[in-house]
Amino acid sequence: MTNVTACQTLLKVQELPDLENLLTDAQALIFDCDGTLVETPAVYAKAWQTAFAEAGQDMEPAWYHERAGMSEHVLLDAFEMMRGVKLDRQHVVQVMRRSALQGMEQVTEISLIADIARRFRSLKPMAVASGGPEVVVMSSLRASRLLPLFDTVVTLDAVEKAKPAPDLFLEAATRLGVDPAGCLVFEDSPQGVEAAHAAGMPVIDVNDLIGATPISA
């Protein structure tokens, strides 16, 4: 981490005075992936647009960005309800994943959050808990070179229910061997914040750190 990046991170942390206390008290750290550790919304928006187009449907990127963080089938529920259609979900998801993987070279880290993970590497057990599919999540973490920071990665493939259910975070806590209440979560979406609360974990809205509009908890 460069001195400039370190100073930027410190300034952002100082804007949330409780964060340092939460970091000190946490026994483990759990990070969402997309929109938290890595800048993937544009990649996913293009991938969904491609998949819907192949199914004969148009989708504006803005529609996706308003729902970034939703798991695949939750997002498909919203799309089908909006359009009053029934899609071949398996095919749409296959096309979306293939398109997303093709865009992985564009993925970059969100440094203010990634630097927190770097800071606590080997000091606290850490996990990624993402509502995305394993093949895409692992690809994005490899592309951004963040994968070695974490002890485990939990994806939608490992649990029965997506966020806002607590399953992903509870599975991460189990793998880390830490009580849920001892885990501090970093999230960027309302669904993720709700899931962390449901898991009994304190949660940081990363939008407060990266300067975006805060999400409601």
Protein backbone atom coordinates (compact mmCIF):
# COMPACT_ATOMS: atom_id res chain seq x y z
CA MET A 1 0.00 0.00 0.00
CA THR A 2 1.47 3.39 -0.96
CA ASN A 3 1.76 6.24 1.51
CA VAL A 4 -0.81 8.22 -0.48
CA THR A 5 -3.32 5.38 -0.39
CA ALA A 6 -2.64 4.80 3.29
CA CYS A 7 -3.33 8.47 4.04
CA GLN A 8 -6.53 8.40 2.00
CA THR A 9 -7.70 5.33 3.88
CA LEU A 10 -6.85 6.90 7.23
CA LEU A 11 -8.76 10.07 6.37
CA LYS A 12 -11.81 8.06 5.38
CA VAL A 13 -11.59 5.98 8.55
CA GLN A 14 -11.42 9.15 10.65
CA GLU A 15 -14.69 10.26 9.08
CA LEU A 16 -16.31 7.21 10.76
CA PRO A 17 -14.94 7.38 14.31
CA ASP A 18 -16.60 4.11 15.34
CA LEU A 19 -14.85 2.13 12.61
CA GLU A 20 -11.50 1.89 14.36
CA ASN A 21 -13.21 0.60 17.49
CA LEU A 22 -15.19 -1.92 15.45
CA LEU A 23 -12.02 -3.09 13.69
CA THR A 24 -10.18 -3.44 16.98
CA ASP A 25 -13.02 -5.37 18.62
CA ALA A 26 -13.75 -7.65 15.65
CA GLN A 27 -12.49 -11.21 15.88
CA ALA A 28 -12.89 -11.65 12.12
CA LEU A 29 -13.66 -9.57 9.03
CA ILE A 30 -16.10 -10.55 6.27
CA PHE A 31 -16.24 -8.66 2.98
CA ASP A 32 -18.82 -8.65 0.23
CA CYS A 33 -17.14 -8.84 -3.17
CA ASP A 34 -18.90 -6.91 -5.95
CA GLY A 35 -19.10 -3.20 -5.23
CA THR A 36 -17.22 -3.66 -1.97
CA LEU A 37 -13.81 -5.13 -2.79
CA VAL A 38 -13.94 -4.98 -6.58
CA GLU A 39 -15.45 -2.58 -9.09
CA THR A 40 -17.67 -4.96 -11.06
CA PRO A 41 -21.10 -3.29 -11.52
CA ALA A 42 -20.31 -2.12 -15.06
CA VAL A 43 -19.16 -5.62 -16.02
CA TYR A 44 -22.31 -7.19 -14.60
CA ALA A 45 -24.55 -4.56 -16.20
CA LYS A 46 -23.11 -5.33 -19.64
CA ALA A 47 -23.35 -9.08 -18.98
CA TRP A 48 -27.01 -8.90 -17.98
CA GLN A 49 -27.76 -6.62 -20.93
CA THR A 50 -26.19 -9.20 -23.26
CA ALA A 51 -28.10 -12.06 -21.66
CA PHE A 52 -31.46 -10.31 -21.77
CA ALA A 53 -30.87 -9.23 -25.38
CA GLU A 54 -30.30 -12.85 -26.38
CA ALA A 55 -33.64 -13.64 -24.72
CA GLY A 56 -35.32 -10.92 -26.80
CA GLN A 57 -35.49 -8.39 -23.98
CA ASP A 58 -33.86 -5.01 -23.63
CA MET A 59 -32.36 -3.76 -20.36
CA GLU A 60 -30.94 -0.35 -19.58
CA PRO A 61 -27.72 -0.41 -17.51
CA ALA A 62 -29.34 2.01 -15.06
CA TRP A 63 -31.97 -0.63 -14.27
CA TYR A 64 -29.25 -3.04 -13.21
CA HIS A 65 -27.28 -0.46 -11.24
CA GLU A 66 -30.36 0.24 -9.12
CA ARG A 67 -30.36 -3.48 -8.25
CA ALA A 68 -26.64 -4.23 -8.08
CA GLY A 69 -26.00 -6.69 -5.29
CA MET A 70 -29.06 -8.81 -5.97
CA SER A 71 -28.40 -12.49 -6.56
CA GLU A 72 -29.14 -13.87 -10.00
CA HIS A 73 -32.60 -15.29 -9.38
CA VAL A 74 -33.71 -12.37 -7.20
CA LEU A 75 -32.78 -10.04 -10.05
CA LEU A 76 -34.58 -12.29 -12.54
CA ASP A 77 -37.66 -12.22 -10.31
CA ALA A 78 -37.63 -8.43 -10.51
CA PHE A 79 -37.10 -8.39 -14.27
CA GLU A 80 -39.84 -10.92 -15.03
CA MET A 81 -42.28 -9.10 -12.75
CA MET A 82 -41.49 -5.77 -14.38
CA ARG A 83 -41.90 -7.12 -17.93
CA GLY A 84 -44.62 -9.68 -17.26
CA VAL A 85 -42.56 -12.41 -18.96
CA LYS A 86 -41.19 -15.84 -18.15
CA LEU A 87 -37.63 -16.43 -19.31
CA ASP A 88 -35.48 -19.50 -19.76
CA ARG A 89 -33.57 -18.69 -16.59
CA GLN A 90 -30.92 -21.34 -16.99
CA HIS A 91 -29.99 -20.02 -20.43
CA VAL A 92 -30.08 -16.37 -19.36
CA VAL A 93 -27.81 -17.09 -16.40
CA GLN A 94 -25.40 -19.09 -18.56
CA VAL A 95 -25.10 -16.24 -21.06
CA MET A 96 -24.70 -13.67 -18.28
CA ARG A 97 -21.94 -15.62 -16.55
CA ARG A 98 -20.10 -16.22 -19.82
CA SER A 99 -20.25 -12.52 -20.66
CA ALA A 100 -19.16 -11.51 -17.15
CA LEU A 101 -16.15 -13.81 -17.31
CA GLN A 102 -15.14 -12.25 -20.63
CA GLY A 103 -15.11 -8.85 -18.93
CA MET A 104 -12.98 -9.81 -15.94
CA GLU A 105 -9.87 -8.16 -17.35
CA GLN A 106 -11.64 -4.83 -16.73
CA VAL A 107 -12.10 -5.50 -13.00
CA THR A 108 -10.17 -3.34 -10.55
CA GLU A 109 -10.06 -3.26 -6.79
CA ILE A 110 -11.81 -0.67 -4.65
CA SER A 111 -8.64 0.38 -2.87
CA LEU A 112 -10.13 2.01 0.21
CA ILE A 113 -11.76 -1.28 1.17
CA ALA A 114 -9.10 -3.62 -0.19
CA ASP A 115 -6.52 -1.73 1.87
CA ILE A 116 -8.43 -2.58 5.05
CA ALA A 117 -8.15 -6.25 4.12
CA ARG A 118 -4.42 -5.82 3.45
CA ARG A 119 -3.98 -4.11 6.79
CA PHE A 120 -5.43 -7.05 8.70
CA ARG A 121 -4.00 -9.89 6.62
CA SER A 122 -2.55 -12.49 9.01
CA LEU A 123 -3.83 -10.45 11.97
CA LYS A 124 -7.48 -11.49 11.83
CA PRO A 125 -9.24 -14.31 9.99
CA MET A 126 -10.97 -12.89 6.91
CA ALA A 127 -13.53 -14.12 4.40
CA VAL A 128 -15.35 -13.01 1.29
CA ALA A 129 -19.10 -13.70 1.36
CA SER A 130 -20.67 -12.96 -2.01
CA GLY A 131 -24.09 -13.58 -3.50
CA GLY A 132 -22.46 -14.15 -6.87
CA PRO A 133 -21.66 -17.53 -8.47
CA GLU A 134 -18.35 -19.10 -7.48
CA VAL A 135 -16.92 -19.13 -11.00
CA VAL A 136 -17.40 -15.38 -11.41
CA VAL A 137 -16.50 -14.34 -7.87
CA MET A 138 -13.25 -16.31 -7.88
CA SER A 139 -12.37 -14.92 -11.30
CA SER A 140 -12.88 -11.34 -10.12
CA LEU A 141 -10.77 -11.88 -6.99
CA ARG A 142 -7.99 -13.42 -9.07
CA ALA A 143 -8.16 -10.64 -11.66
CA SER A 144 -7.88 -8.00 -8.94
CA ARG A 145 -5.15 -10.02 -7.15
CA LEU A 146 -7.07 -9.91 -3.88
CA LEU A 147 -7.71 -13.64 -3.46
CA PRO A 148 -4.55 -14.36 -1.38
CA LEU A 149 -5.76 -11.96 1.33
CA PHE A 150 -8.60 -14.23 2.43
CA ASP A 151 -8.85 -17.47 4.36
CA THR A 152 -12.04 -18.55 2.63
CA VAL A 153 -14.52 -17.44 -0.04
CA VAL A 154 -18.22 -18.22 0.34
CA THR A 155 -20.47 -17.83 -2.70
CA LEU A 156 -24.09 -18.46 -3.58
CA ASP A 157 -23.19 -22.00 -4.64
CA ALA A 158 -22.43 -22.92 -1.01
CA VAL A 159 -25.75 -21.91 0.61
CA GLU A 160 -29.46 -22.42 0.15
CA LYS A 161 -30.60 -18.80 0.36
CA ALA A 162 -29.17 -15.60 -1.05
CA LYS A 163 -28.94 -12.24 0.70
CA PRO A 164 -30.93 -10.77 2.45
CA ALA A 165 -31.00 -14.18 4.17
CA PRO A 166 -28.05 -14.51 6.58
CA ASP A 167 -26.81 -17.84 5.17
CA LEU A 168 -23.70 -16.53 3.41
CA PHE A 169 -22.42 -14.65 6.44
CA LEU A 170 -23.21 -17.47 8.85
CA GLU A 171 -21.36 -19.95 6.63
CA ALA A 172 -18.37 -17.59 6.51
CA ALA A 173 -18.33 -17.32 10.32
CA THR A 174 -18.49 -21.10 10.61
CA ARG A 175 -15.56 -21.56 8.23
CA LEU A 176 -13.53 -18.95 10.10
CA GLY A 177 -14.35 -20.56 13.45
CA VAL A 178 -15.67 -17.30 14.90
CA ASP A 179 -18.98 -16.56 16.59
CA PRO A 180 -21.21 -14.44 14.29
CA ALA A 181 -21.30 -11.60 16.81
CA GLY A 182 -17.50 -11.39 16.57
CA CYS A 183 -17.52 -10.82 12.80
CA LEU A 184 -17.47 -7.35 11.26
CA VAL A 185 -19.06 -7.18 7.80
CA PHE A 186 -18.28 -4.76 4.95
CA GLU A 187 -21.19 -4.35 2.51
CA ASP A 188 -22.41 -2.01 -0.20
CA SER A 189 -26.01 -3.11 -0.82
CA PRO A 190 -29.23 -2.91 1.19
CA GLN A 191 -29.67 -6.67 0.80
CA GLY A 192 -26.21 -7.28 2.21
CA VAL A 193 -26.71 -4.95 5.14
CA GLU A 194 -29.99 -6.68 5.94
CA ALA A 195 -28.28 -10.08 5.72
CA ALA A 196 -25.54 -9.01 8.12
CA HIS A 197 -28.10 -7.74 10.61
CA ALA A 198 -30.02 -11.01 10.29
CA ALA A 199 -26.78 -12.88 11.04
CA GLY A 200 -26.28 -10.83 14.21
CA MET A 201 -23.13 -9.17 12.86
CA PRO A 202 -22.10 -5.51 13.02
CA VAL A 203 -21.87 -4.09 9.50
CA ILE A 204 -20.11 -1.17 7.83
CA ASP A 205 -21.78 0.50 4.85
CA VAL A 206 -18.78 0.92 2.56
CA ASN A 207 -20.56 3.69 0.69
CA ASP A 208 -19.80 5.86 3.72
CA LEU A 209 -16.11 5.17 3.14
CA ILE A 210 -15.94 5.51 -0.63
CA GLY A 211 -18.08 8.63 -0.76
CA ALA A 212 -21.25 7.27 -2.38
CA THR A 213 -24.76 7.90 -1.15
CA PRO A 214 -25.26 5.85 2.01
CA ILE A 215 -27.65 2.94 1.77
CA SER A 216 -30.38 2.49 4.32
CA ALA A 217 -29.86 -0.25 6.87
